[in-house]
Amino acid sequence: MESLEDKIKEIMTDILEIDDEEITDEFGPENAETWDSLNNLKMITALEEEFKITLTMDQIESMVNFSEIKKVISNHTT
């Protein structure tokens, strides 16, 4: 069974077209040229669909790097 972190990484690598080795806790938009507003929206939508959640604007705005994305998703799914 895939961990929460693995599922998030899979979504990010698919949408941003990067290798999962590039993703550290500090990984954010400044680390990937492909992390633009459109791909950010695609990631949010994919995360909501994968984890069957609805994120608030405050939660979305706080998701500035991989660590924060994990935190928001984890808080939503536990």
Protein backbone atom coordinates (compact mmCIF):
# COMPACT_ATOMS: atom_id res chain seq x y z
CA MET A 1 0.00 0.00 0.00
CA GLU A 2 1.33 3.42 -0.97
CA SER A 3 2.01 5.88 1.81
CA LEU A 4 0.46 9.33 1.88
CA GLU A 5 3.84 10.82 1.01
CA ASP A 6 4.26 8.46 -1.97
CA LYS A 7 0.81 9.29 -3.33
CA ILE A 8 1.49 13.03 -3.08
CA LYS A 9 4.88 12.62 -4.76
CA GLU A 10 3.30 10.58 -7.55
CA ILE A 11 0.78 13.34 -8.23
CA MET A 12 3.48 16.02 -8.16
CA THR A 13 5.86 14.11 -10.43
CA ASP A 14 3.11 13.38 -12.95
CA ILE A 15 1.87 16.96 -13.17
CA LEU A 16 5.21 18.76 -12.85
CA GLU A 17 7.05 16.22 -15.02
CA ILE A 18 9.92 15.83 -12.56
CA ASP A 19 11.72 12.93 -10.86
CA ASP A 20 10.57 12.09 -7.36
CA GLU A 21 14.19 12.34 -6.14
CA GLU A 22 13.92 16.09 -6.70
CA ILE A 23 11.15 16.40 -4.10
CA THR A 24 12.39 17.27 -0.62
CA ASP A 25 10.38 18.81 2.21
CA GLU A 26 11.45 22.28 1.05
CA PHE A 27 10.56 21.60 -2.61
CA GLY A 28 8.26 24.36 -3.87
CA PRO A 29 7.39 26.42 -6.96
CA GLU A 30 10.84 28.05 -7.00
CA ASN A 31 12.38 24.59 -7.53
CA ALA A 32 10.44 23.63 -10.66
CA GLU A 33 9.89 25.72 -13.77
CA THR A 34 6.77 23.68 -14.46
CA TRP A 35 5.11 24.63 -11.13
CA ASP A 36 3.02 27.47 -12.49
CA SER A 37 -0.51 28.56 -11.62
CA LEU A 38 -2.13 26.10 -14.03
CA ASN A 39 -0.15 23.13 -12.77
CA ASN A 40 -0.78 24.24 -9.19
CA LEU A 41 -4.51 24.08 -9.90
CA LYS A 42 -4.07 20.66 -11.50
CA MET A 43 -2.20 19.42 -8.40
CA ILE A 44 -4.86 20.74 -6.04
CA THR A 45 -7.60 19.07 -8.08
CA ALA A 46 -5.67 15.79 -8.27
CA LEU A 47 -4.99 15.82 -4.51
CA GLU A 48 -8.67 16.48 -3.76
CA GLU A 49 -9.72 13.63 -6.05
CA GLU A 50 -7.07 11.18 -4.80
CA PHE A 51 -7.81 11.76 -1.11
CA LYS A 52 -11.55 12.49 -1.54
CA ILE A 53 -11.28 15.84 0.25
CA THR A 54 -12.19 19.46 -0.38
CA LEU A 55 -9.51 22.00 0.45
CA THR A 56 -10.28 25.53 1.65
CA MET A 57 -8.61 28.59 0.15
CA ASP A 58 -6.59 29.01 3.37
CA GLN A 59 -5.35 25.43 3.10
CA ILE A 60 -4.47 25.84 -0.58
CA GLU A 61 -2.61 29.08 0.11
CA SER A 62 -0.61 27.41 2.89
CA MET A 63 0.59 24.63 0.58
CA VAL A 64 3.82 26.39 -0.41
CA ASN A 65 6.13 23.36 -0.38
CA PHE A 66 6.08 19.59 -0.12
CA SER A 67 6.22 19.61 3.67
CA GLU A 68 3.18 21.89 3.94
CA ILE A 69 1.28 19.87 1.33
CA LYS A 70 1.88 16.71 3.39
CA LYS A 71 0.75 18.49 6.56
CA VAL A 72 -2.50 19.79 5.03
CA ILE A 73 -3.39 16.45 3.43
CA SER A 74 -2.49 14.51 6.58
CA ASN A 75 -4.63 16.77 8.76
CA HIS A 76 -7.51 16.36 6.33
CA THR A 77 -7.35 12.56 6.13
CA THR A 78 -6.91 11.67 9.80
